Amino acid sequence: ESVRSRVALLITNIQFKNRGLDRHGAD
């Protein structure tokens, strides 16, 4: 029952305002 209520938070920063900081491969 607890497995059916599992939840996770996933935050990924890929593109930045300064495009020179873009994290290629992070997708």
mmCIF file of all heavy atoms, coordinates in Angstrom:
data_MODEL
# 
_entry.id   MODEL 
# 
loop_
_atom_site.group_PDB 
_atom_site.id 
_atom_site.type_symbol 
_atom_site.label_atom_id 
_atom_site.label_alt_id 
_atom_site.label_comp_id 
_atom_site.label_asym_id 
_atom_site.label_entity_id 
_atom_site.label_seq_id 
_atom_site.pdbx_PDB_ins_code 
_atom_site.Cartn_x 
_atom_site.Cartn_y 
_atom_site.Cartn_z 
_atom_site.occupancy 
_atom_site.B_iso_or_equiv 
_atom_site.pdbx_formal_charge 
_atom_site.auth_seq_id 
_atom_site.auth_comp_id 
_atom_site.auth_asym_id 
_atom_site.auth_atom_id 
_atom_site.pdbx_PDB_model_num 
ATOM 1   N N   . GLU A 1 1  ? 0.827  -1.204 0.000   1.00 0.00 ? 1  GLU A N   1 
ATOM 2   C CA  . GLU A 1 1  ? 0.000  0.000  0.000   1.00 0.00 ? 1  GLU A CA  1 
ATOM 3   C C   . GLU A 1 1  ? 0.868  1.264  0.000   1.00 0.00 ? 1  GLU A C   1 
ATOM 4   O O   . GLU A 1 1  ? 0.590  2.227  -0.720  1.00 0.00 ? 1  GLU A O   1 
ATOM 5   C CB  . GLU A 1 1  ? -0.926 0.007  1.218   1.00 0.00 ? 1  GLU A CB  1 
ATOM 6   C CG  . GLU A 1 1  ? -2.020 -1.041 1.194   1.00 0.00 ? 1  GLU A CG  1 
ATOM 7   C CD  . GLU A 1 1  ? -1.506 -2.456 1.475   1.00 0.00 ? 1  GLU A CD  1 
ATOM 8   O OE1 . GLU A 1 1  ? -0.402 -2.583 2.066   1.00 0.00 ? 1  GLU A OE1 1 
ATOM 9   O OE2 . GLU A 1 1  ? -2.197 -3.422 1.103   1.00 0.00 ? 1  GLU A OE2 1 
ATOM 10  N N   . SER A 1 2  ? 1.946  1.256  0.794   1.00 0.00 ? 2  SER A N   1 
ATOM 11  C CA  . SER A 1 2  ? 2.799  2.450  0.856   1.00 0.00 ? 2  SER A CA  1 
ATOM 12  C C   . SER A 1 2  ? 3.545  2.676  -0.454  1.00 0.00 ? 2  SER A C   1 
ATOM 13  O O   . SER A 1 2  ? 3.790  3.823  -0.846  1.00 0.00 ? 2  SER A O   1 
ATOM 14  C CB  . SER A 1 2  ? 3.790  2.346  2.019   1.00 0.00 ? 2  SER A CB  1 
ATOM 15  O OG  . SER A 1 2  ? 4.768  1.336  1.792   1.00 0.00 ? 2  SER A OG  1 
ATOM 16  N N   . VAL A 1 3  ? 3.888  1.595  -1.146  1.00 0.00 ? 3  VAL A N   1 
ATOM 17  C CA  . VAL A 1 3  ? 4.556  1.724  -2.451  1.00 0.00 ? 3  VAL A CA  1 
ATOM 18  C C   . VAL A 1 3  ? 3.653  2.449  -3.439  1.00 0.00 ? 3  VAL A C   1 
ATOM 19  O O   . VAL A 1 3  ? 4.113  3.258  -4.258  1.00 0.00 ? 3  VAL A O   1 
ATOM 20  C CB  . VAL A 1 3  ? 4.973  0.335  -2.981  1.00 0.00 ? 3  VAL A CB  1 
ATOM 21  C CG1 . VAL A 1 3  ? 5.410  0.422  -4.437  1.00 0.00 ? 3  VAL A CG1 1 
ATOM 22  C CG2 . VAL A 1 3  ? 6.093  -0.246 -2.128  1.00 0.00 ? 3  VAL A CG2 1 
ATOM 23  N N   . ARG A 1 4  ? 2.349  2.206  -3.361  1.00 0.00 ? 4  ARG A N   1 
ATOM 24  C CA  . ARG A 1 4  ? 1.406  2.856  -4.278  1.00 0.00 ? 4  ARG A CA  1 
ATOM 25  C C   . ARG A 1 4  ? 1.272  4.354  -3.988  1.00 0.00 ? 4  ARG A C   1 
ATOM 26  O O   . ARG A 1 4  ? 0.738  5.101  -4.817  1.00 0.00 ? 4  ARG A O   1 
ATOM 27  C CB  . ARG A 1 4  ? 0.039  2.187  -4.210  1.00 0.00 ? 4  ARG A CB  1 
ATOM 28  C CG  . ARG A 1 4  ? 0.009  0.802  -4.856  1.00 0.00 ? 4  ARG A CG  1 
ATOM 29  C CD  . ARG A 1 4  ? -1.420 0.344  -5.088  1.00 0.00 ? 4  ARG A CD  1 
ATOM 30  N NE  . ARG A 1 4  ? -2.101 0.015  -3.840  1.00 0.00 ? 4  ARG A NE  1 
ATOM 31  C CZ  . ARG A 1 4  ? -2.115 -1.203 -3.304  1.00 0.00 ? 4  ARG A CZ  1 
ATOM 32  N NH1 . ARG A 1 4  ? -1.470 -2.204 -3.902  1.00 0.00 ? 4  ARG A NH1 1 
ATOM 33  N NH2 . ARG A 1 4  ? -2.757 -1.441 -2.177  1.00 0.00 ? 4  ARG A NH2 1 
ATOM 34  N N   . SER A 1 5  ? 1.758  4.807  -2.832  1.00 0.00 ? 5  SER A N   1 
ATOM 35  C CA  . SER A 1 5  ? 1.700  6.231  -2.479  1.00 0.00 ? 5  SER A CA  1 
ATOM 36  C C   . SER A 1 5  ? 3.061  6.911  -2.571  1.00 0.00 ? 5  SER A C   1 
ATOM 37  O O   . SER A 1 5  ? 3.217  8.056  -2.124  1.00 0.00 ? 5  SER A O   1 
ATOM 38  C CB  . SER A 1 5  ? 1.144  6.396  -1.057  1.00 0.00 ? 5  SER A CB  1 
ATOM 39  O OG  . SER A 1 5  ? -0.204 5.975  -0.994  1.00 0.00 ? 5  SER A OG  1 
ATOM 40  N N   . ARG A 1 6  ? 4.033  6.250  -3.150  1.00 0.00 ? 6  ARG A N   1 
ATOM 41  C CA  . ARG A 1 6  ? 5.361  6.844  -3.249  1.00 0.00 ? 6  ARG A CA  1 
ATOM 42  C C   . ARG A 1 6  ? 5.344  8.073  -4.157  1.00 0.00 ? 6  ARG A C   1 
ATOM 43  O O   . ARG A 1 6  ? 4.645  8.115  -5.173  1.00 0.00 ? 6  ARG A O   1 
ATOM 44  C CB  . ARG A 1 6  ? 6.364  5.822  -3.798  1.00 0.00 ? 6  ARG A CB  1 
ATOM 45  C CG  . ARG A 1 6  ? 6.807  4.794  -2.774  1.00 0.00 ? 6  ARG A CG  1 
ATOM 46  C CD  . ARG A 1 6  ? 7.770  3.782  -3.371  1.00 0.00 ? 6  ARG A CD  1 
ATOM 47  N NE  . ARG A 1 6  ? 8.353  2.952  -2.314  1.00 0.00 ? 6  ARG A NE  1 
ATOM 48  C CZ  . ARG A 1 6  ? 9.168  1.921  -2.554  1.00 0.00 ? 6  ARG A CZ  1 
ATOM 49  N NH1 . ARG A 1 6  ? 9.507  1.605  -3.801  1.00 0.00 ? 6  ARG A NH1 1 
ATOM 50  N NH2 . ARG A 1 6  ? 9.658  1.219  -1.547  1.00 0.00 ? 6  ARG A NH2 1 
ATOM 51  N N   . VAL A 1 7  ? 6.151  9.068  -3.785  1.00 0.00 ? 7  VAL A N   1 
ATOM 52  C CA  . VAL A 1 7  ? 6.234  10.299 -4.563  1.00 0.00 ? 7  VAL A CA  1 
ATOM 53  C C   . VAL A 1 7  ? 7.658  10.831 -4.502  1.00 0.00 ? 7  VAL A C   1 
ATOM 54  O O   . VAL A 1 7  ? 8.361  10.673 -3.493  1.00 0.00 ? 7  VAL A O   1 
ATOM 55  C CB  . VAL A 1 7  ? 5.211  11.341 -4.042  1.00 0.00 ? 7  VAL A CB  1 
ATOM 56  C CG1 . VAL A 1 7  ? 5.495  11.705 -2.588  1.00 0.00 ? 7  VAL A CG1 1 
ATOM 57  C CG2 . VAL A 1 7  ? 5.179  12.581 -4.912  1.00 0.00 ? 7  VAL A CG2 1 
ATOM 58  N N   . ALA A 1 8  ? 8.106  11.425 -5.594  1.00 0.00 ? 8  ALA A N   1 
ATOM 59  C CA  . ALA A 1 8  ? 9.481  11.938 -5.687  1.00 0.00 ? 8  ALA A CA  1 
ATOM 60  C C   . ALA A 1 8  ? 9.467  13.304 -6.347  1.00 0.00 ? 8  ALA A C   1 
ATOM 61  O O   . ALA A 1 8  ? 8.591  13.618 -7.170  1.00 0.00 ? 8  ALA A O   1 
ATOM 62  C CB  . ALA A 1 8  ? 10.352 10.976 -6.496  1.00 0.00 ? 8  ALA A CB  1 
ATOM 63  N N   . LEU A 1 9  ? 10.453 14.111 -5.999  1.00 0.00 ? 9  LEU A N   1 
ATOM 64  C CA  . LEU A 1 9  ? 10.644 15.422 -6.607  1.00 0.00 ? 9  LEU A CA  1 
ATOM 65  C C   . LEU A 1 9  ? 11.886 15.377 -7.485  1.00 0.00 ? 9  LEU A C   1 
ATOM 66  O O   . LEU A 1 9  ? 12.959 14.951 -7.038  1.00 0.00 ? 9  LEU A O   1 
ATOM 67  C CB  . LEU A 1 9  ? 10.817 16.488 -5.520  1.00 0.00 ? 9  LEU A CB  1 
ATOM 68  C CG  . LEU A 1 9  ? 11.092 17.921 -5.995  1.00 0.00 ? 9  LEU A CG  1 
ATOM 69  C CD1 . LEU A 1 9  ? 9.930  18.484 -6.790  1.00 0.00 ? 9  LEU A CD1 1 
ATOM 70  C CD2 . LEU A 1 9  ? 11.413 18.827 -4.799  1.00 0.00 ? 9  LEU A CD2 1 
ATOM 71  N N   . LEU A 1 10 ? 11.738 15.807 -8.730  1.00 0.00 ? 10 LEU A N   1 
ATOM 72  C CA  . LEU A 1 10 ? 12.847 15.800 -9.690  1.00 0.00 ? 10 LEU A CA  1 
ATOM 73  C C   . LEU A 1 10 ? 12.978 17.196 -10.290 1.00 0.00 ? 10 LEU A C   1 
ATOM 74  O O   . LEU A 1 10 ? 12.069 17.674 -10.975 1.00 0.00 ? 10 LEU A O   1 
ATOM 75  C CB  . LEU A 1 10 ? 12.596 14.763 -10.787 1.00 0.00 ? 10 LEU A CB  1 
ATOM 76  C CG  . LEU A 1 10 ? 13.601 14.700 -11.941 1.00 0.00 ? 10 LEU A CG  1 
ATOM 77  C CD1 . LEU A 1 10 ? 15.007 14.362 -11.451 1.00 0.00 ? 10 LEU A CD1 1 
ATOM 78  C CD2 . LEU A 1 10 ? 13.144 13.675 -12.984 1.00 0.00 ? 10 LEU A CD2 1 
ATOM 79  N N   . ILE A 1 11 ? 14.109 17.849 -10.024 1.00 0.00 ? 11 ILE A N   1 
ATOM 80  C CA  . ILE A 1 11 ? 14.388 19.183 -10.562 1.00 0.00 ? 11 ILE A CA  1 
ATOM 81  C C   . ILE A 1 11 ? 15.655 19.104 -11.402 1.00 0.00 ? 11 ILE A C   1 
ATOM 82  O O   . ILE A 1 11 ? 16.699 18.662 -10.918 1.00 0.00 ? 11 ILE A O   1 
ATOM 83  C CB  . ILE A 1 11 ? 14.576 20.216 -9.429  1.00 0.00 ? 11 ILE A CB  1 
ATOM 84  C CG1 . ILE A 1 11 ? 13.309 20.339 -8.588  1.00 0.00 ? 11 ILE A CG1 1 
ATOM 85  C CG2 . ILE A 1 11 ? 14.968 21.578 -10.017 1.00 0.00 ? 11 ILE A CG2 1 
ATOM 86  C CD1 . ILE A 1 11 ? 13.482 21.220 -7.352  1.00 0.00 ? 11 ILE A CD1 1 
ATOM 87  N N   . THR A 1 12 ? 15.558 19.532 -12.660 1.00 0.00 ? 12 THR A N   1 
ATOM 88  C CA  . THR A 1 12 ? 16.711 19.491 -13.560 1.00 0.00 ? 12 THR A CA  1 
ATOM 89  C C   . THR A 1 12 ? 16.863 20.833 -14.251 1.00 0.00 ? 12 THR A C   1 
ATOM 90  O O   . THR A 1 12 ? 15.940 21.298 -14.934 1.00 0.00 ? 12 THR A O   1 
ATOM 91  C CB  . THR A 1 12 ? 16.543 18.407 -14.641 1.00 0.00 ? 12 THR A CB  1 
ATOM 92  O OG1 . THR A 1 12 ? 16.138 17.179 -14.038 1.00 0.00 ? 12 THR A OG1 1 
ATOM 93  C CG2 . THR A 1 12 ? 17.845 18.196 -15.399 1.00 0.00 ? 12 THR A CG2 1 
ATOM 94  N N   . ASN A 1 13 ? 17.994 21.466 -14.075 1.00 0.00 ? 13 ASN A N   1 
ATOM 95  C CA  . ASN A 1 13 ? 18.306 22.690 -14.809 1.00 0.00 ? 13 ASN A CA  1 
ATOM 96  C C   . ASN A 1 13 ? 19.178 22.342 -16.006 1.00 0.00 ? 13 ASN A C   1 
ATOM 97  O O   . ASN A 1 13 ? 20.280 21.803 -15.838 1.00 0.00 ? 13 ASN A O   1 
ATOM 98  C CB  . ASN A 1 13 ? 18.995 23.707 -13.901 1.00 0.00 ? 13 ASN A CB  1 
ATOM 99  C CG  . ASN A 1 13 ? 18.015 24.384 -12.956 1.00 0.00 ? 13 ASN A CG  1 
ATOM 100 O OD1 . ASN A 1 13 ? 16.798 24.280 -13.132 1.00 0.00 ? 13 ASN A OD1 1 
ATOM 101 N ND2 . ASN A 1 13 ? 18.538 25.082 -11.964 1.00 0.00 ? 13 ASN A ND2 1 
ATOM 102 N N   . ILE A 1 14 ? 18.665 22.654 -17.190 1.00 0.00 ? 14 ILE A N   1 
ATOM 103 C CA  . ILE A 1 14 ? 19.350 22.301 -18.434 1.00 0.00 ? 14 ILE A CA  1 
ATOM 104 C C   . ILE A 1 14 ? 19.794 23.553 -19.189 1.00 0.00 ? 14 ILE A C   1 
ATOM 105 O O   . ILE A 1 14 ? 20.938 23.679 -19.581 1.00 0.00 ? 14 ILE A O   1 
ATOM 106 C CB  . ILE A 1 14 ? 18.433 21.437 -19.336 1.00 0.00 ? 14 ILE A CB  1 
ATOM 107 C CG1 . ILE A 1 14 ? 17.963 20.181 -18.577 1.00 0.00 ? 14 ILE A CG1 1 
ATOM 108 C CG2 . ILE A 1 14 ? 19.153 21.052 -20.634 1.00 0.00 ? 14 ILE A CG2 1 
ATOM 109 C CD1 . ILE A 1 14 ? 16.887 19.385 -19.301 1.00 0.00 ? 14 ILE A CD1 1 
ATOM 110 N N   . GLN A 1 15 ? 18.856 24.477 -19.374 1.00 0.00 ? 15 GLN A N   1 
ATOM 111 C CA  . GLN A 1 15 ? 19.151 25.707 -20.110 1.00 0.00 ? 15 GLN A CA  1 
ATOM 112 C C   . GLN A 1 15 ? 19.187 26.895 -19.155 1.00 0.00 ? 15 GLN A C   1 
ATOM 113 O O   . GLN A 1 15 ? 18.303 27.055 -18.313 1.00 0.00 ? 15 GLN A O   1 
ATOM 114 C CB  . GLN A 1 15 ? 18.090 25.938 -21.193 1.00 0.00 ? 15 GLN A CB  1 
ATOM 115 C CG  . GLN A 1 15 ? 18.108 24.892 -22.292 1.00 0.00 ? 15 GLN A CG  1 
ATOM 116 C CD  . GLN A 1 15 ? 17.080 25.165 -23.364 1.00 0.00 ? 15 GLN A CD  1 
ATOM 117 O OE1 . GLN A 1 15 ? 16.100 25.866 -23.136 1.00 0.00 ? 15 GLN A OE1 1 
ATOM 118 N NE2 . GLN A 1 15 ? 17.304 24.621 -24.549 1.00 0.00 ? 15 GLN A NE2 1 
ATOM 119 N N   . PHE A 1 16 ? 20.218 27.732 -19.326 1.00 0.00 ? 16 PHE A N   1 
ATOM 120 C CA  . PHE A 1 16 ? 20.432 28.882 -18.463 1.00 0.00 ? 16 PHE A CA  1 
ATOM 121 C C   . PHE A 1 16 ? 20.297 30.177 -19.261 1.00 0.00 ? 16 PHE A C   1 
ATOM 122 O O   . PHE A 1 16 ? 20.410 30.178 -20.492 1.00 0.00 ? 16 PHE A O   1 
ATOM 123 C CB  . PHE A 1 16 ? 21.825 28.799 -17.816 1.00 0.00 ? 16 PHE A CB  1 
ATOM 124 C CG  . PHE A 1 16 ? 21.933 27.746 -16.755 1.00 0.00 ? 16 PHE A CG  1 
ATOM 125 C CD1 . PHE A 1 16 ? 21.917 26.389 -17.079 1.00 0.00 ? 16 PHE A CD1 1 
ATOM 126 C CD2 . PHE A 1 16 ? 22.027 28.088 -15.416 1.00 0.00 ? 16 PHE A CD2 1 
ATOM 127 C CE1 . PHE A 1 16 ? 21.994 25.410 -16.099 1.00 0.00 ? 16 PHE A CE1 1 
ATOM 128 C CE2 . PHE A 1 16 ? 22.106 27.124 -14.425 1.00 0.00 ? 16 PHE A CE2 1 
ATOM 129 C CZ  . PHE A 1 16 ? 22.088 25.784 -14.768 1.00 0.00 ? 16 PHE A CZ  1 
ATOM 130 N N   . LYS A 1 17 ? 20.036 31.267 -18.555 1.00 0.00 ? 17 LYS A N   1 
ATOM 131 C CA  . LYS A 1 17 ? 19.942 32.578 -19.210 1.00 0.00 ? 17 LYS A CA  1 
ATOM 132 C C   . LYS A 1 17 ? 21.233 32.868 -19.957 1.00 0.00 ? 17 LYS A C   1 
ATOM 133 O O   . LYS A 1 17 ? 21.222 33.376 -21.074 1.00 0.00 ? 17 LYS A O   1 
ATOM 134 C CB  . LYS A 1 17 ? 19.648 33.661 -18.168 1.00 0.00 ? 17 LYS A CB  1 
ATOM 135 C CG  . LYS A 1 17 ? 19.397 35.031 -18.757 1.00 0.00 ? 17 LYS A CG  1 
ATOM 136 C CD  . LYS A 1 17 ? 18.996 36.026 -17.683 1.00 0.00 ? 17 LYS A CD  1 
ATOM 137 C CE  . LYS A 1 17 ? 18.698 37.398 -18.277 1.00 0.00 ? 17 LYS A CE  1 
ATOM 138 N NZ  . LYS A 1 17 ? 18.274 38.372 -17.233 1.00 0.00 ? 17 LYS A NZ  1 
ATOM 139 N N   . ASN A 1 18 ? 22.358 32.560 -19.322 1.00 0.00 ? 18 ASN A N   1 
ATOM 140 C CA  . ASN A 1 18 ? 23.657 32.593 -19.994 1.00 0.00 ? 18 ASN A CA  1 
ATOM 141 C C   . ASN A 1 18 ? 23.818 31.256 -20.702 1.00 0.00 ? 18 ASN A C   1 
ATOM 142 O O   . ASN A 1 18 ? 24.136 30.240 -20.069 1.00 0.00 ? 18 ASN A O   1 
ATOM 143 C CB  . ASN A 1 18 ? 24.775 32.812 -18.975 1.00 0.00 ? 18 ASN A CB  1 
ATOM 144 C CG  . ASN A 1 18 ? 26.157 32.759 -19.595 1.00 0.00 ? 18 ASN A CG  1 
ATOM 145 O OD1 . ASN A 1 18 ? 26.315 32.489 -20.787 1.00 0.00 ? 18 ASN A OD1 1 
ATOM 146 N ND2 . ASN A 1 18 ? 27.172 33.017 -18.782 1.00 0.00 ? 18 ASN A ND2 1 
ATOM 147 N N   . ARG A 1 19 ? 23.576 31.216 -21.998 1.00 0.00 ? 19 ARG A N   1 
ATOM 148 C CA  . ARG A 1 19 ? 23.535 29.941 -22.722 1.00 0.00 ? 19 ARG A CA  1 
ATOM 149 C C   . ARG A 1 19 ? 24.868 29.214 -22.709 1.00 0.00 ? 19 ARG A C   1 
ATOM 150 O O   . ARG A 1 19 ? 24.929 28.012 -22.972 1.00 0.00 ? 19 ARG A O   1 
ATOM 151 C CB  . ARG A 1 19 ? 23.066 30.170 -24.170 1.00 0.00 ? 19 ARG A CB  1 
ATOM 152 C CG  . ARG A 1 19 ? 21.662 30.772 -24.273 1.00 0.00 ? 19 ARG A CG  1 
ATOM 153 C CD  . ARG A 1 19 ? 20.623 29.978 -23.496 1.00 0.00 ? 19 ARG A CD  1 
ATOM 154 N NE  . ARG A 1 19 ? 20.476 28.624 -23.957 1.00 0.00 ? 19 ARG A NE  1 
ATOM 155 C CZ  . ARG A 1 19 ? 19.603 28.250 -24.905 1.00 0.00 ? 19 ARG A CZ  1 
ATOM 156 N NH1 . ARG A 1 19 ? 18.823 29.146 -25.485 1.00 0.00 ? 19 ARG A NH1 1 
ATOM 157 N NH2 . ARG A 1 19 ? 19.511 26.984 -25.263 1.00 0.00 ? 19 ARG A NH2 1 
ATOM 158 N N   . GLY A 1 20 ? 25.937 29.923 -22.364 1.00 0.00 ? 20 GLY A N   1 
ATOM 159 C CA  . GLY A 1 20 ? 27.224 29.253 -22.222 1.00 0.00 ? 20 GLY A CA  1 
ATOM 160 C C   . GLY A 1 20 ? 27.267 28.299 -21.044 1.00 0.00 ? 20 GLY A C   1 
ATOM 161 O O   . GLY A 1 20 ? 28.180 27.465 -20.951 1.00 0.00 ? 20 GLY A O   1 
ATOM 162 N N   . LEU A 1 21 ? 26.285 28.397 -20.140 1.00 0.00 ? 21 LEU A N   1 
ATOM 163 C CA  . LEU A 1 21 ? 26.198 27.507 -18.988 1.00 0.00 ? 21 LEU A CA  1 
ATOM 164 C C   . LEU A 1 21 ? 25.278 26.317 -19.228 1.00 0.00 ? 21 LEU A C   1 
ATOM 165 O O   . LEU A 1 21 ? 25.100 25.494 -18.330 1.00 0.00 ? 21 LEU A O   1 
ATOM 166 C CB  . LEU A 1 21 ? 25.706 28.288 -17.758 1.00 0.00 ? 21 LEU A CB  1 
ATOM 167 C CG  . LEU A 1 21 ? 26.611 29.404 -17.239 1.00 0.00 ? 21 LEU A CG  1 
ATOM 168 C CD1 . LEU A 1 21 ? 25.925 30.154 -16.094 1.00 0.00 ? 21 LEU A CD1 1 
ATOM 169 C CD2 . LEU A 1 21 ? 27.951 28.838 -16.775 1.00 0.00 ? 21 LEU A CD2 1 
ATOM 170 N N   . ASP A 1 22 ? 24.685 26.232 -20.411 1.00 0.00 ? 22 ASP A N   1 
ATOM 171 C CA  . ASP A 1 22 ? 23.753 25.130 -20.683 1.00 0.00 ? 22 ASP A CA  1 
ATOM 172 C C   . ASP A 1 22 ? 24.410 23.784 -20.389 1.00 0.00 ? 22 ASP A C   1 
ATOM 173 O O   . ASP A 1 22 ? 25.587 23.561 -20.699 1.00 0.00 ? 22 ASP A O   1 
ATOM 174 C CB  . ASP A 1 22 ? 23.290 25.157 -22.138 1.00 0.00 ? 22 ASP A CB  1 
ATOM 175 C CG  . ASP A 1 22 ? 22.262 26.259 -22.401 1.00 0.00 ? 22 ASP A CG  1 
ATOM 176 O OD1 . ASP A 1 22 ? 21.900 26.973 -21.454 1.00 0.00 ? 22 ASP A OD1 1 
ATOM 177 O OD2 . ASP A 1 22 ? 21.836 26.393 -23.565 1.00 0.00 ? 22 ASP A OD2 1 
ATOM 178 N N   . ARG A 1 23 ? 23.625 22.876 -19.785 1.00 0.00 ? 23 ARG A N   1 
ATOM 179 C CA  . ARG A 1 23 ? 24.140 21.581 -19.331 1.00 0.00 ? 23 ARG A CA  1 
ATOM 180 C C   . ARG A 1 23 ? 23.767 20.505 -20.357 1.00 0.00 ? 23 ARG A C   1 
ATOM 181 O O   . ARG A 1 23 ? 22.786 19.778 -20.215 1.00 0.00 ? 23 ARG A O   1 
ATOM 182 C CB  . ARG A 1 23 ? 23.598 21.245 -17.948 1.00 0.00 ? 23 ARG A CB  1 
ATOM 183 C CG  . ARG A 1 23 ? 23.969 22.279 -16.900 1.00 0.00 ? 23 ARG A CG  1 
ATOM 184 C CD  . ARG A 1 23 ? 23.390 21.980 -15.525 1.00 0.00 ? 23 ARG A CD  1 
ATOM 185 N NE  . ARG A 1 23 ? 23.906 20.714 -14.993 1.00 0.00 ? 23 ARG A NE  1 
ATOM 186 C CZ  . ARG A 1 23 ? 23.168 19.624 -14.834 1.00 0.00 ? 23 ARG A CZ  1 
ATOM 187 N NH1 . ARG A 1 23 ? 21.877 19.618 -15.171 1.00 0.00 ? 23 ARG A NH1 1 
ATOM 188 N NH2 . ARG A 1 23 ? 23.695 18.532 -14.343 1.00 0.00 ? 23 ARG A NH2 1 
ATOM 189 N N   . HIS A 1 24 ? 24.574 20.397 -21.386 1.00 0.00 ? 24 HIS A N   1 
ATOM 190 C CA  . HIS A 1 24 ? 24.308 19.421 -22.444 1.00 0.00 ? 24 HIS A CA  1 
ATOM 191 C C   . HIS A 1 24 ? 24.404 17.998 -21.877 1.00 0.00 ? 24 HIS A C   1 
ATOM 192 O O   . HIS A 1 24 ? 25.326 17.667 -21.142 1.00 0.00 ? 24 HIS A O   1 
ATOM 193 C CB  . HIS A 1 24 ? 25.304 19.604 -23.583 1.00 0.00 ? 24 HIS A CB  1 
ATOM 194 C CG  . HIS A 1 24 ? 25.285 20.988 -24.171 1.00 0.00 ? 24 HIS A CG  1 
ATOM 195 N ND1 . HIS A 1 24 ? 24.244 21.464 -24.927 1.00 0.00 ? 24 HIS A ND1 1 
ATOM 196 C CD2 . HIS A 1 24 ? 26.174 22.024 -24.063 1.00 0.00 ? 24 HIS A CD2 1 
ATOM 197 C CE1 . HIS A 1 24 ? 24.477 22.711 -25.297 1.00 0.00 ? 24 HIS A CE1 1 
ATOM 198 N NE2 . HIS A 1 24 ? 25.653 23.072 -24.776 1.00 0.00 ? 24 HIS A NE2 1 
ATOM 199 N N   . GLY A 1 25 ? 23.440 17.188 -22.214 1.00 0.00 ? 25 GLY A N   1 
ATOM 200 C CA  . GLY A 1 25 ? 23.377 15.824 -21.693 1.00 0.00 ? 25 GLY A CA  1 
ATOM 201 C C   . GLY A 1 25 ? 22.498 15.696 -20.465 1.00 0.00 ? 25 GLY A C   1 
ATOM 202 O O   . GLY A 1 25 ? 22.142 14.590 -20.060 1.00 0.00 ? 25 GLY A O   1 
ATOM 203 N N   . ALA A 1 26 ? 22.123 16.838 -19.852 1.00 0.00 ? 26 ALA A N   1 
ATOM 204 C CA  . ALA A 1 26 ? 21.286 16.785 -18.650 1.00 0.00 ? 26 ALA A CA  1 
ATOM 205 C C   . ALA A 1 26 ? 19.871 16.316 -18.956 1.00 0.00 ? 26 ALA A C   1 
ATOM 206 O O   . ALA A 1 26 ? 19.177 15.796 -18.085 1.00 0.00 ? 26 ALA A O   1 
ATOM 207 C CB  . ALA A 1 26 ? 21.247 18.154 -17.971 1.00 0.00 ? 26 ALA A CB  1 
ATOM 208 N N   . ASP A 1 27 ? 19.429 16.496 -20.207 1.00 0.00 ? 27 ASP A N   1 
ATOM 209 C CA  . ASP A 1 27 ? 18.118 15.979 -20.589 1.00 0.00 ? 27 ASP A CA  1 
ATOM 210 C C   . ASP A 1 27 ? 18.095 14.453 -20.509 1.00 0.00 ? 27 ASP A C   1 
ATOM 211 O O   . ASP A 1 27 ? 17.064 13.847 -20.191 1.00 0.00 ? 27 ASP A O   1 
ATOM 212 C CB  . ASP A 1 27 ? 17.731 16.445 -21.988 1.00 0.00 ? 27 ASP A CB  1 
ATOM 213 C CG  . ASP A 1 27 ? 18.762 16.067 -23.043 1.00 0.00 ? 27 ASP A CG  1 
ATOM 214 O OD1 . ASP A 1 27 ? 19.985 16.083 -22.736 1.00 0.00 ? 27 ASP A OD1 1 
ATOM 215 O OD2 . ASP A 1 27 ? 18.366 15.750 -24.183 1.00 0.00 ? 27 ASP A OD2 1 
# 
